[in-house]
C-alpha atoms as a PDB file:
ATOM      1  CA  MET A   1      -0.207   0.495  -0.063  1.00  0.00           C
ATOM      2  CA  LEU A   2       1.773   3.404  -0.723  1.00  0.00           C
ATOM      3  CA  ASP A   3       0.448   6.522   2.255  1.00  0.00           C
ATOM      4  CA  LEU A   4       1.571  10.191   1.507  1.00  0.00           C
ATOM      5  CA  TYR A   5       1.482  12.678   1.630  1.00  0.00           C
ATOM      6  CA  LEU A   6       2.925  15.266  -0.716  1.00  0.00           C
ATOM      7  CA  VAL A   7       3.968  18.425  -0.775  1.00  0.00           C
ATOM      8  CA  LYS A   8       5.935  20.118  -4.070  1.00  0.00           C
ATOM      9  CA  ALA A   9       6.415  23.668  -5.748  1.00  0.00           C
ATOM     10  CA  LEU A  10       4.919  23.998  -9.384  1.00  0.00           C
ATOM     11  CA  HIS A  11       5.670  25.902 -12.055  1.00  0.00           C
ATOM     12  CA  SER A  12       2.462  26.239 -14.518  1.00  0.00           C
ATOM     13  CA  ALA A  13       1.660  28.162 -17.625  1.00  0.00           C
ATOM     14  CA  ALA A  14      -1.318  30.275 -15.348  1.00  0.00           C
ATOM     15  CA  GLY A  15       1.926  30.919 -12.585  1.00  0.00           C
ATOM     16  CA  PRO A  16       2.859  29.754  -9.734  1.00  0.00           C
ATOM     17  CA  ALA A  17       1.113  26.659  -7.501  1.00  0.00           C
ATOM     18  CA  THR A  18       1.696  23.901  -4.978  1.00  0.00           C
ATOM     19  CA  LEU A  19       0.992  20.474  -5.507  1.00  0.00           C
ATOM     20  CA  ASP A  20      -0.626  19.137  -2.264  1.00  0.00           C
ATOM     21  CA  VAL A  21      -1.313  15.820  -1.808  1.00  0.00           C
ATOM     22  CA  ARG A  22      -2.563  12.931  -0.257  1.00  0.00           C
ATOM     23  CA  LEU A  23      -3.693   9.622  -0.968  1.00  0.00           C
ATOM     24  CA  THR A  24      -3.305   6.171   0.222  1.00  0.00           C
ATOM     25  CA  ILE A  25      -3.396   3.249  -2.617  1.00  0.00           C
ATOM     26  CA  GLY A  26      -4.152  -0.173  -2.127  1.00  0.00           C
ATOM     27  CA  PRO A  27      -1.715  -2.689  -3.548  1.00  0.00           C
ATOM     28  CA  GLY A  28      -3.140  -4.193  -6.695  1.00  0.00           C
ATOM     29  CA  GLU A  29      -4.412  -0.888  -7.768  1.00  0.00           C
ATOM     30  CA  PHE A  30      -4.632   0.506 -10.974  1.00  0.00           C
ATOM     31  CA  VAL A  31      -4.673   4.281 -11.033  1.00  0.00           C
ATOM     32  CA  ALA A  32      -4.940   6.589 -13.533  1.00  0.00           C
ATOM     33  CA  LEU A  33      -3.672  10.760 -13.193  1.00  0.00           C
ATOM     34  CA  TYR A  34      -6.064  12.846 -15.279  1.00  0.00           C
ATOM     35  CA  GLY A  35      -5.704  16.921 -15.871  1.00  0.00           C
ATOM     36  CA  PRO A  36      -4.712  19.588 -17.909  1.00  0.00           C
ATOM     37  CA  SER A  37      -1.269  20.582 -18.667  1.00  0.00           C
ATOM     38  CA  GLY A  38       0.413  21.954 -15.510  1.00  0.00           C
ATOM     39  CA  ALA A  39      -1.323  20.001 -12.881  1.00  0.00           C
ATOM     40  CA  GLY A  40       1.244  18.232 -11.579  1.00  0.00           C
ATOM     41  CA  LYS A  41       0.622  14.836 -13.027  1.00  0.00           C
ATOM     42  CA  THR A  42       4.547  14.042 -13.983  1.00  0.00           C
ATOM     43  CA  THR A  43       5.445  15.973 -11.107  1.00  0.00           C
ATOM     44  CA  LEU A  44       3.945  13.781  -8.968  1.00  0.00           C
ATOM     45  CA  LEU A  45       4.816  10.594 -10.643  1.00  0.00           C
ATOM     46  CA  ARG A  46       8.481  11.909 -10.246  1.00  0.00           C
ATOM     47  CA  LEU A  47       8.324  12.641  -6.918  1.00  0.00           C
ATOM     48  CA  LEU A  48       7.327   8.484  -6.526  1.00  0.00           C
ATOM     49  CA  ALA A  49      10.592   8.324  -8.464  1.00  0.00           C
ATOM     50  CA  GLY A  50      12.497   9.317  -6.470  1.00  0.00           C
ATOM     51  CA  LEU A  51      13.652  11.814  -9.788  1.00  0.00           C
ATOM     52  CA  THR A  52      12.938  14.968  -7.953  1.00  0.00           C
ATOM     53  CA  ARG A  53      12.733  15.591  -4.671  1.00  0.00           C
ATOM     54  CA  PRO A  54       9.784  17.379  -2.264  1.00  0.00           C
ATOM     55  CA  ASP A  55       9.869  20.466  -0.537  1.00  0.00           C
ATOM     56  CA  ALA A  56       7.214  18.368   2.668  1.00  0.00           C
ATOM     57  CA  GLY A  57       5.448  15.467   3.459  1.00  0.00           C
ATOM     58  CA  TYR A  58       6.265  12.312   3.466  1.00  0.00           C
ATOM     59  CA  LEU A  59       6.034   8.877   1.378  1.00  0.00           C
ATOM     60  CA  ARG A  60       5.490   4.952   2.873  1.00  0.00           C
ATOM     61  CA  VAL A  61       5.587   1.512   0.325  1.00  0.00           C
ATOM     62  CA  GLY A  62       4.086  -0.855   2.712  1.00  0.00           C
ATOM     63  CA  GLU A  63       7.045  -0.365   5.450  1.00  0.00           C
ATOM     64  CA  GLN A  64       9.032   0.835   3.762  1.00  0.00           C
ATOM     65  CA  THR A  65       9.538   4.713   3.899  1.00  0.00           C
ATOM     66  CA  TRP A  66      11.320   6.493   0.649  1.00  0.00           C
ATOM     67  CA  TYR A  67      10.528   9.938   1.811  1.00  0.00           C
ATOM     68  CA  ASP A  68       9.917  12.048   5.608  1.00  0.00           C
ATOM     69  CA  GLY A  69      10.485  15.498   5.780  1.00  0.00           C
ATOM     70  CA  PRO A  70      10.863  15.681   8.924  1.00  0.00           C
ATOM     71  CA  GLN A  71      12.693  12.764   9.633  1.00  0.00           C
ATOM     72  CA  ARG A  72      14.992  13.517   6.947  1.00  0.00           C
ATOM     73  CA  GLN A  73      14.864   9.691   5.266  1.00  0.00           C
ATOM     74  CA  TRP A  74      14.884   9.510   1.622  1.00  0.00           C
ATOM     75  CA  ARG A  75      15.383   6.789  -0.659  1.00  0.00           C
ATOM     76  CA  ARG A  76      17.842   7.414  -4.173  1.00  0.00           C
ATOM     77  CA  PRO A  77      15.160   6.413  -6.972  1.00  0.00           C
ATOM     78  CA  GLU A  78      17.837   3.178  -7.304  1.00  0.00           C
ATOM     79  CA  GLN A  79      16.690   1.623  -4.068  1.00  0.00           C
ATOM     80  CA  ARG A  80      13.191   2.326  -4.650  1.00  0.00           C
ATOM     81  CA  SER A  81      11.146  -0.716  -6.097  1.00  0.00           C
ATOM     82  CA  ILE A  82       9.764   0.696  -9.209  1.00  0.00           C
ATOM     83  CA  GLY A  83       9.578   0.674 -13.044  1.00  0.00           C
ATOM     84  CA  TYR A  84       9.021   4.092 -14.575  1.00  0.00           C
ATOM     85  CA  VAL A  85       7.838   4.134 -18.488  1.00  0.00           C
ATOM     86  CA  PHE A  86       8.860   8.336 -19.695  1.00  0.00           C
ATOM     87  CA  GLN A  87       7.291   9.857 -22.550  1.00  0.00           C
ATOM     88  CA  ASP A  88      10.112   9.566 -24.665  1.00  0.00           C
ATOM     89  CA  TYR A  89      11.438   6.141 -23.768  1.00  0.00           C
ATOM     90  CA  ALA A  90      14.550   6.822 -22.711  1.00  0.00           C
ATOM     91  CA  LEU A  91      16.000   3.480 -24.572  1.00  0.00           C
ATOM     92  CA  PHE A  92      19.808   3.103 -24.480  1.00  0.00           C
ATOM     93  CA  PRO A  93      20.323   3.329 -27.937  1.00  0.00           C
ATOM     94  CA  ASN A  94      24.107   1.753 -28.400  1.00  0.00           C
ATOM     95  CA  MET A  95      21.953  -1.680 -26.307  1.00  0.00           C
ATOM     96  CA  THR A  96      20.397  -4.316 -28.773  1.00  0.00           C
ATOM     97  CA  VAL A  97      16.698  -4.345 -27.416  1.00  0.00           C
ATOM     98  CA  ARG A  98      17.405  -7.641 -25.335  1.00  0.00           C
ATOM     99  CA  GLN A  99      20.144  -5.533 -23.959  1.00  0.00           C
ATOM    100  CA  ASN A 100      18.434  -3.293 -22.560  1.00  0.00           C
ATOM    101  CA  LEU A 101      16.093  -5.415 -20.740  1.00  0.00           C
ATOM    102  CA  THR A 102      19.306  -7.839 -19.600  1.00  0.00           C
ATOM    103  CA  PHE A 103      20.995  -3.868 -17.643  1.00  0.00           C
ATOM    104  CA  ALA A 104      17.919  -3.418 -15.969  1.00  0.00           C
ATOM    105  CA  LEU A 105      17.466  -6.865 -14.150  1.00  0.00           C
ATOM    106  CA  THR A 106      17.903  -5.969 -10.610  1.00  0.00           C
ATOM    107  CA  SER A 107      20.005  -9.994 -10.128  1.00  0.00           C
ATOM    108  CA  HIS A 108      21.572 -12.111 -13.187  1.00  0.00           C
ATOM    109  CA  ARG A 109      19.170 -14.761 -10.919  1.00  0.00           C
ATOM    110  CA  ASP A 110      16.524 -13.154 -13.037  1.00  0.00           C
ATOM    111  CA  ALA A 111      17.248 -12.873 -15.979  1.00  0.00           C
ATOM    112  CA  ALA A 112      14.554 -16.114 -17.297  1.00  0.00           C
ATOM    113  CA  ILE A 113      12.730 -13.649 -17.295  1.00  0.00           C
ATOM    114  CA  VAL A 114      12.952 -11.590 -20.255  1.00  0.00           C
ATOM    115  CA  ALA A 115      13.012 -14.274 -22.678  1.00  0.00           C
ATOM    116  CA  GLU A 116       8.760 -14.022 -20.726  1.00  0.00           C
ATOM    117  CA  LEU A 117       8.924  -9.950 -21.237  1.00  0.00           C
ATOM    118  CA  LEU A 118       9.549 -10.614 -24.780  1.00  0.00           C
ATOM    119  CA  ALA A 119       7.470 -13.165 -26.113  1.00  0.00           C
ATOM    120  CA  LEU A 120       4.272 -10.744 -23.669  1.00  0.00           C
ATOM    121  CA  THR A 121       4.897  -7.650 -25.393  1.00  0.00           C
ATOM    122  CA  GLU A 122       5.305 -10.155 -28.789  1.00  0.00           C
ATOM    123  CA  LEU A 123       9.570  -8.788 -29.080  1.00  0.00           C
ATOM    124  CA  GLU A 124      10.941 -12.010 -29.405  1.00  0.00           C
ATOM    125  CA  GLN A 125      11.640 -11.364 -33.192  1.00  0.00           C
ATOM    126  CA  LEU A 126      13.387  -7.503 -32.671  1.00  0.00           C
ATOM    127  CA  ALA A 127      15.520  -8.942 -29.737  1.00  0.00           C
ATOM    128  CA  HIS A 128      18.878  -7.950 -31.619  1.00  0.00           C
ATOM    129  CA  ARG A 129      17.429  -4.432 -32.803  1.00  0.00           C
ATOM    130  CA  TYR A 130      18.628  -0.820 -32.091  1.00  0.00           C
ATOM    131  CA  PRO A 131      16.411   1.298 -30.701  1.00  0.00           C
ATOM    132  CA  ALA A 132      17.230   2.992 -34.355  1.00  0.00           C
ATOM    133  CA  GLN A 133      15.979   0.821 -35.831  1.00  0.00           C
ATOM    134  CA  LEU A 134      12.385   0.530 -33.827  1.00  0.00           C
ATOM    135  CA  SER A 135       9.201   1.947 -34.718  1.00  0.00           C
ATOM    136  CA  GLY A 136       7.740   4.201 -32.394  1.00  0.00           C
ATOM    137  CA  GLY A 137       5.605   1.422 -30.997  1.00  0.00           C
ATOM    138  CA  GLN A 138       8.016  -0.602 -30.534  1.00  0.00           C
ATOM    139  CA  GLN A 139      10.421   1.265 -28.672  1.00  0.00           C
ATOM    140  CA  GLN A 140       6.884   1.850 -26.990  1.00  0.00           C
ATOM    141  CA  ARG A 141       7.139  -1.812 -26.183  1.00  0.00           C
ATOM    142  CA  VAL A 142      10.820  -2.226 -25.223  1.00  0.00           C
ATOM    143  CA  ALA A 143      10.284   0.306 -22.559  1.00  0.00           C
ATOM    144  CA  LEU A 144       7.554  -0.861 -20.947  1.00  0.00           C
ATOM    145  CA  ALA A 145       8.945  -4.244 -20.832  1.00  0.00           C
ATOM    146  CA  ARG A 146      11.884  -2.102 -19.458  1.00  0.00           C
ATOM    147  CA  ALA A 147       9.842  -0.981 -16.344  1.00  0.00           C
ATOM    148  CA  LEU A 148       8.891  -5.218 -15.995  1.00  0.00           C
ATOM    149  CA  ALA A 149      12.008  -6.644 -15.637  1.00  0.00           C
ATOM    150  CA  ARG A 150      12.589  -5.342 -12.195  1.00  0.00           C
ATOM    151  CA  ARG A 151       9.754  -6.664 -11.181  1.00  0.00           C
ATOM    152  CA  PRO A 152       8.890  -3.529  -9.682  1.00  0.00           C
ATOM    153  CA  ARG A 153       5.636  -3.095  -6.411  1.00  0.00           C
ATOM    154  CA  LEU A 154       5.380   0.912  -8.279  1.00  0.00           C
ATOM    155  CA  LEU A 155       4.562   1.246 -11.945  1.00  0.00           C
ATOM    156  CA  LEU A 156       4.896   4.414 -12.726  1.00  0.00           C
ATOM    157  CA  LEU A 157       3.563   5.890 -16.768  1.00  0.00           C
ATOM    158  CA  ASP A 158       3.866   9.065 -18.341  1.00  0.00           C
ATOM    159  CA  GLU A 159       1.540   9.389 -20.889  1.00  0.00           C
ATOM    160  CA  PRO A 160       2.458   5.768 -22.862  1.00  0.00           C
ATOM    161  CA  LEU A 161       0.727   5.722 -24.916  1.00  0.00           C
ATOM    162  CA  SER A 162       0.446   8.877 -27.064  1.00  0.00           C
ATOM    163  CA  ALA A 163       1.684   9.250 -29.120  1.00  0.00           C
ATOM    164  CA  VAL A 164       1.388   5.963 -31.133  1.00  0.00           C
ATOM    165  CA  ASP A 165      -1.267   5.562 -34.448  1.00  0.00           C
ATOM    166  CA  ASN A 166      -4.418   3.402 -32.544  1.00  0.00           C
ATOM    167  CA  PRO A 167      -4.159  -0.343 -34.139  1.00  0.00           C
ATOM    168  CA  THR A 168      -0.845   0.064 -32.036  1.00  0.00           C
ATOM    169  CA  ARG A 169      -2.150   1.517 -29.065  1.00  0.00           C
ATOM    170  CA  LEU A 170      -5.275  -0.692 -29.071  1.00  0.00           C
ATOM    171  CA  ARG A 171      -2.208  -3.746 -29.120  1.00  0.00           C
ATOM    172  CA  LEU A 172      -0.662  -1.831 -25.720  1.00  0.00           C
ATOM    173  CA  GLN A 173      -3.248  -0.932 -23.980  1.00  0.00           C
ATOM    174  CA  GLN A 174      -3.919  -5.155 -23.919  1.00  0.00           C
ATOM    175  CA  MET A 175      -0.535  -5.561 -22.860  1.00  0.00           C
ATOM    176  CA  LEU A 176      -0.699  -2.970 -20.331  1.00  0.00           C
ATOM    177  CA  ALA A 177      -4.006  -4.074 -18.862  1.00  0.00           C
ATOM    178  CA  GLU A 178      -2.564  -8.399 -19.026  1.00  0.00           C
ATOM    179  CA  ALA A 179       1.072  -6.570 -17.536  1.00  0.00           C
ATOM    180  CA  HIS A 180      -0.270  -5.722 -14.983  1.00  0.00           C
ATOM    181  CA  GLN A 181      -2.404  -8.158 -13.891  1.00  0.00           C
ATOM    182  CA  ARG A 182       0.160 -11.116 -14.616  1.00  0.00           C
ATOM    183  CA  PHE A 183       2.715  -9.897 -12.695  1.00  0.00           C
ATOM    184  CA  GLU A 184       0.467  -8.146  -9.663  1.00  0.00           C
ATOM    185  CA  LEU A 185       1.503  -4.120 -10.086  1.00  0.00           C
ATOM    186  CA  THR A 186       0.328  -1.580  -8.673  1.00  0.00           C
ATOM    187  CA  THR A 187       0.203   0.708 -11.365  1.00  0.00           C
ATOM    188  CA  ILE A 188       0.161   4.540 -11.865  1.00  0.00           C
ATOM    189  CA  MET A 189      -0.716   6.079 -15.241  1.00  0.00           C
ATOM    190  CA  VAL A 190      -0.638   9.413 -16.464  1.00  0.00           C
ATOM    191  CA  SER A 191      -2.855  10.505 -19.586  1.00  0.00           C
ATOM    192  CA  HIS A 192      -4.869  12.885 -21.280  1.00  0.00           C
ATOM    193  CA  ASP A 193      -7.139   9.920 -23.329  1.00  0.00           C
ATOM    194  CA  PRO A 194     -10.579   9.894 -21.349  1.00  0.00           C
ATOM    195  CA  ALA A 195     -10.621   6.159 -23.526  1.00  0.00           C
ATOM    196  CA  GLU A 196      -8.163   5.276 -21.889  1.00  0.00           C
ATOM    197  CA  VAL A 197      -8.238   6.329 -18.984  1.00  0.00           C
ATOM    198  CA  TYR A 198     -11.624   4.379 -18.403  1.00  0.00           C
ATOM    199  CA  THR A 199     -10.525   1.464 -20.592  1.00  0.00           C
ATOM    200  CA  LEU A 200      -7.383   0.366 -18.083  1.00  0.00           C
ATOM    201  CA  ALA A 201      -8.274   2.317 -14.720  1.00  0.00           C
ATOM    202  CA  GLY A 202     -10.038   1.428 -11.733  1.00  0.00           C
ATOM    203  CA  ARG A 203      -9.708   4.591 -10.224  1.00  0.00           C
ATOM    204  CA  VAL A 204      -8.932   7.744 -11.684  1.00  0.00           C
ATOM    205  CA  LEU A 205      -7.223  10.893  -9.890  1.00  0.00           C
ATOM    206  CA  GLU A 206      -7.936  14.288 -11.468  1.00  0.00           C
ATOM    207  CA  LEU A 207      -5.255  17.157 -10.961  1.00  0.00           C
ATOM    208  CA  ASP A 208      -5.659  20.533 -10.592  1.00  0.00           C
ATOM    209  CA  LEU A 209      -3.435  22.923 -10.532  1.00  0.00           C
ATOM    210  CA  GLY A 210      -1.316  20.309  -8.241  1.00  0.00           C
ATOM    211  CA  ARG A 211      -4.688  19.775  -5.711  1.00  0.00           C
ATOM    212  CA  VAL A 212      -6.974  16.104  -6.476  1.00  0.00           C
ATOM    213  CA  ILE A 213     -10.561  17.243  -7.061  1.00  0.00           C
ATOM    214  CA  ARG A 214     -11.671  14.367  -8.058  1.00  0.00           C
ATOM    215  CA  ASP A 215     -10.811  11.152  -7.400  1.00  0.00           C
ATOM    216  CA  GLY A 216     -13.314   7.661  -7.805  1.00  0.00           C
ATOM    217  CA  GLN A 217     -14.191   5.414 -10.607  1.00  0.00           C
ATOM    218  CA  PRO A 218     -13.837   6.825 -14.492  1.00  0.00           C
ATOM    219  CA  VAL A 219     -16.463   7.103 -15.636  1.00  0.00           C
ATOM    220  CA  PRO A 220     -16.636   6.822 -19.925  1.00  0.00           C
ATOM    221  CA  PRO A 221     -15.970  10.004 -21.528  1.00  0.00           C
ATOM    222  CA  LEU A 222     -19.064  12.319 -23.093  1.00  0.00           C
ATOM    223  CA  THR A 223     -21.311  11.288 -20.229  1.00  0.00           C
ATOM    224  CA  GLN A 224     -21.964  14.945 -19.393  1.00  0.00           C
ATOM    225  CA  SER A 225     -22.345  15.984 -23.347  1.00  0.00           C
ATOM    226  CA  ASN A 226     -26.216  16.550 -22.807  1.00  0.00           C
ATOM    227  CA  GLY A 227     -26.761  13.350 -25.529  1.00  0.00           C
ATOM    228  CA  LEU A 228     -23.908  13.881 -27.686  1.00  0.00           C
ATOM    229  CA  GLU A 229     -23.448  11.030 -30.114  1.00  0.00           C
ATOM    230  CA  LEU A 230     -20.088   9.500 -31.517  1.00  0.00           C
ATOM    231  CA  THR A 231     -19.244   7.633 -35.288  1.00  0.00           C
ATOM    232  CA  ALA A 232     -16.883   5.160 -34.142  1.00  0.00           C
ATOM    233  CA  THR A 233     -15.811   2.258 -35.639  1.00  0.00           C
ATOM    234  CA  VAL A 234     -15.577  -1.631 -34.692  1.00  0.00           C
ATOM    235  CA  VAL A 235     -12.092  -2.950 -34.499  1.00  0.00           C
ATOM    236  CA  GLU A 236     -12.750  -6.115 -32.523  1.00  0.00           C
ATOM    237  CA  VAL A 237     -15.517  -8.426 -31.142  1.00  0.00           C
ATOM    238  CA  LEU A 238     -14.857  -8.652 -27.418  1.00  0.00           C
ATOM    239  CA  SER A 239     -16.655 -12.004 -24.612  1.00  0.00           C
ATOM    240  CA  ASP A 240     -17.986 -13.814 -27.994  1.00  0.00           C
ATOM    241  CA  GLY A 241     -20.198 -11.039 -28.980  1.00  0.00           C
ATOM    242  CA  ARG A 242     -20.970  -9.667 -25.373  1.00  0.00           C
ATOM    243  CA  GLU A 243     -18.984  -6.608 -26.236  1.00  0.00           C
ATOM    244  CA  VAL A 244     -16.970  -4.968 -29.033  1.00  0.00           C
ATOM    245  CA  ARG A 245     -13.740  -2.448 -29.232  1.00  0.00           C
ATOM    246  CA  LEU A 246     -14.821   0.865 -31.504  1.00  0.00           C
ATOM    247  CA  VAL A 247     -12.089   3.403 -32.963  1.00  0.00           C
ATOM    248  CA  ALA A 248     -13.593   7.301 -33.445  1.00  0.00           C
ATOM    249  CA  GLY A 249     -10.521   9.832 -34.436  1.00  0.00           C
ATOM    250  CA  ALA A 250      -8.015   9.081 -31.705  1.00  0.00           C
ATOM    251  CA  THR A 251     -10.343   7.366 -28.818  1.00  0.00           C
ATOM    252  CA  THR A 252     -10.067   3.962 -28.430  1.00  0.00           C
ATOM    253  CA  LEU A 253     -12.692   2.436 -25.753  1.00  0.00           C
ATOM    254  CA  VAL A 254     -14.801  -0.819 -25.337  1.00  0.00           C
ATOM    255  CA  VAL A 255     -18.736  -0.967 -24.775  1.00  0.00           C
ATOM    256  CA  PRO A 256     -21.210  -3.321 -24.201  1.00  0.00           C
ATOM    257  CA  VAL A 257     -23.630  -3.794 -26.802  1.00  0.00           C
ATOM    258  CA  PRO A 258     -27.427  -4.269 -26.506  1.00  0.00           C
ATOM    259  CA  ALA A 259     -29.252  -7.546 -26.626  1.00  0.00           C
ATOM    260  CA  GLY A 260     -29.895  -9.414 -30.241  1.00  0.00           C
ATOM    261  CA  GLN A 261     -27.619  -6.851 -32.197  1.00  0.00           C
ATOM    262  CA  THR A 262     -24.257  -7.740 -33.470  1.00  0.00           C
ATOM    263  CA  TYR A 263     -21.910  -6.152 -35.239  1.00  0.00           C
ATOM    264  CA  GLN A 264     -18.280  -7.588 -37.102  1.00  0.00           C
ATOM    265  CA  PRO A 265     -14.987  -5.324 -37.517  1.00  0.00           C
ATOM    266  CA  GLY A 266     -15.366  -2.580 -39.728  1.00  0.00           C
ATOM    267  CA  GLN A 267     -18.689  -2.227 -39.243  1.00  0.00           C
ATOM    268  CA  VAL A 268     -19.028   1.740 -38.700  1.00  0.00           C
ATOM    269  CA  VAL A 269     -22.060   2.463 -36.106  1.00  0.00           C
ATOM    270  CA  THR A 270     -23.290   5.453 -33.534  1.00  0.00           C
ATOM    271  CA  LEU A 271     -22.073   5.551 -30.187  1.00  0.00           C
ATOM    272  CA  THR A 272     -24.609   7.911 -27.566  1.00  0.00           C
ATOM    273  CA  ALA A 273     -23.143   9.399 -25.011  1.00  0.00           C
ATOM    274  CA  ALA A 274     -25.983   9.142 -22.081  1.00  0.00           C
ATOM    275  CA  ALA A 275     -25.181   5.280 -22.385  1.00  0.00           C
ATOM    276  CA  TRP A 276     -22.906   3.742 -24.100  1.00  0.00           C
ATOM    277  CA  GLY A 277     -25.028   1.946 -26.047  1.00  0.00           C
ATOM    278  CA  ILE A 278     -24.854   0.917 -30.075  1.00  0.00           C
ATOM    279  CA  LYS A 279     -27.519   2.596 -32.434  1.00  0.00           C
ATOM    280  CA  PRO A 280     -28.701  -1.039 -34.807  1.00  0.00           C
ATOM    281  CA  PRO A 281     -27.535  -0.013 -38.029  1.00  0.00           C
ATOM    282  CA  GLN A 282     -30.179   2.022 -39.968  1.00  0.00           C
ATOM    283  CA  THR A 283     -32.211  -0.099 -42.903  1.00  0.00           C
END
């Protein structure tokens, strides 16, 4: 469990502000940090990772204290059990895919996990390539696999899918969900995509000017759009036809299928905001 109270001065486009966050996050939670640019989302991740020092507060993870201002306790980043996926991937350009993963291992006894991660992220055929020889989506998969190689207690994701196309984003969302479950992670993800938050997270924290203004379950996008409709394309049929995965512009999401209706990949549908129902095709 994470128990934290972190304070840090912010310099946002709106002027000076203060990150002031008090939270408890349970083991195994998938939490999304959502809010406008400058709200303090990335700063909070960096405070958790130990890449930035708080001005005050404390950070306890299980029975360990990672930071305590009054007691002057501080664990350096390498002493914290974290995996961090940066926006720019931050891969070692002079190392192959396999070497990037191996370098992240905390012990040579964990070497077997490299093969498992290469398989999970579908990188087995690319293991001997260098980052410059990979697409953006492939580099993102390497960054995710490298973060998992440390077997972290806490996985931190800073807009991990913002720079990839929609088909790649769908696959990476599935990989993230599977990795979160398989490795029994506590995951905190920064995202600006409401559909991504809804698809992956079980809890969303909305930040604004350094403060948590909403803490609860994610809600479907457009639920406050007063009945507006969205045209989307079916890209995958899930759960024996009970759900479909849709793409609408830069947005991807999974929605239930109304009773008695069937849909096929490639079919264009109209999504109603009120209930996330799919209108039957017009005949």
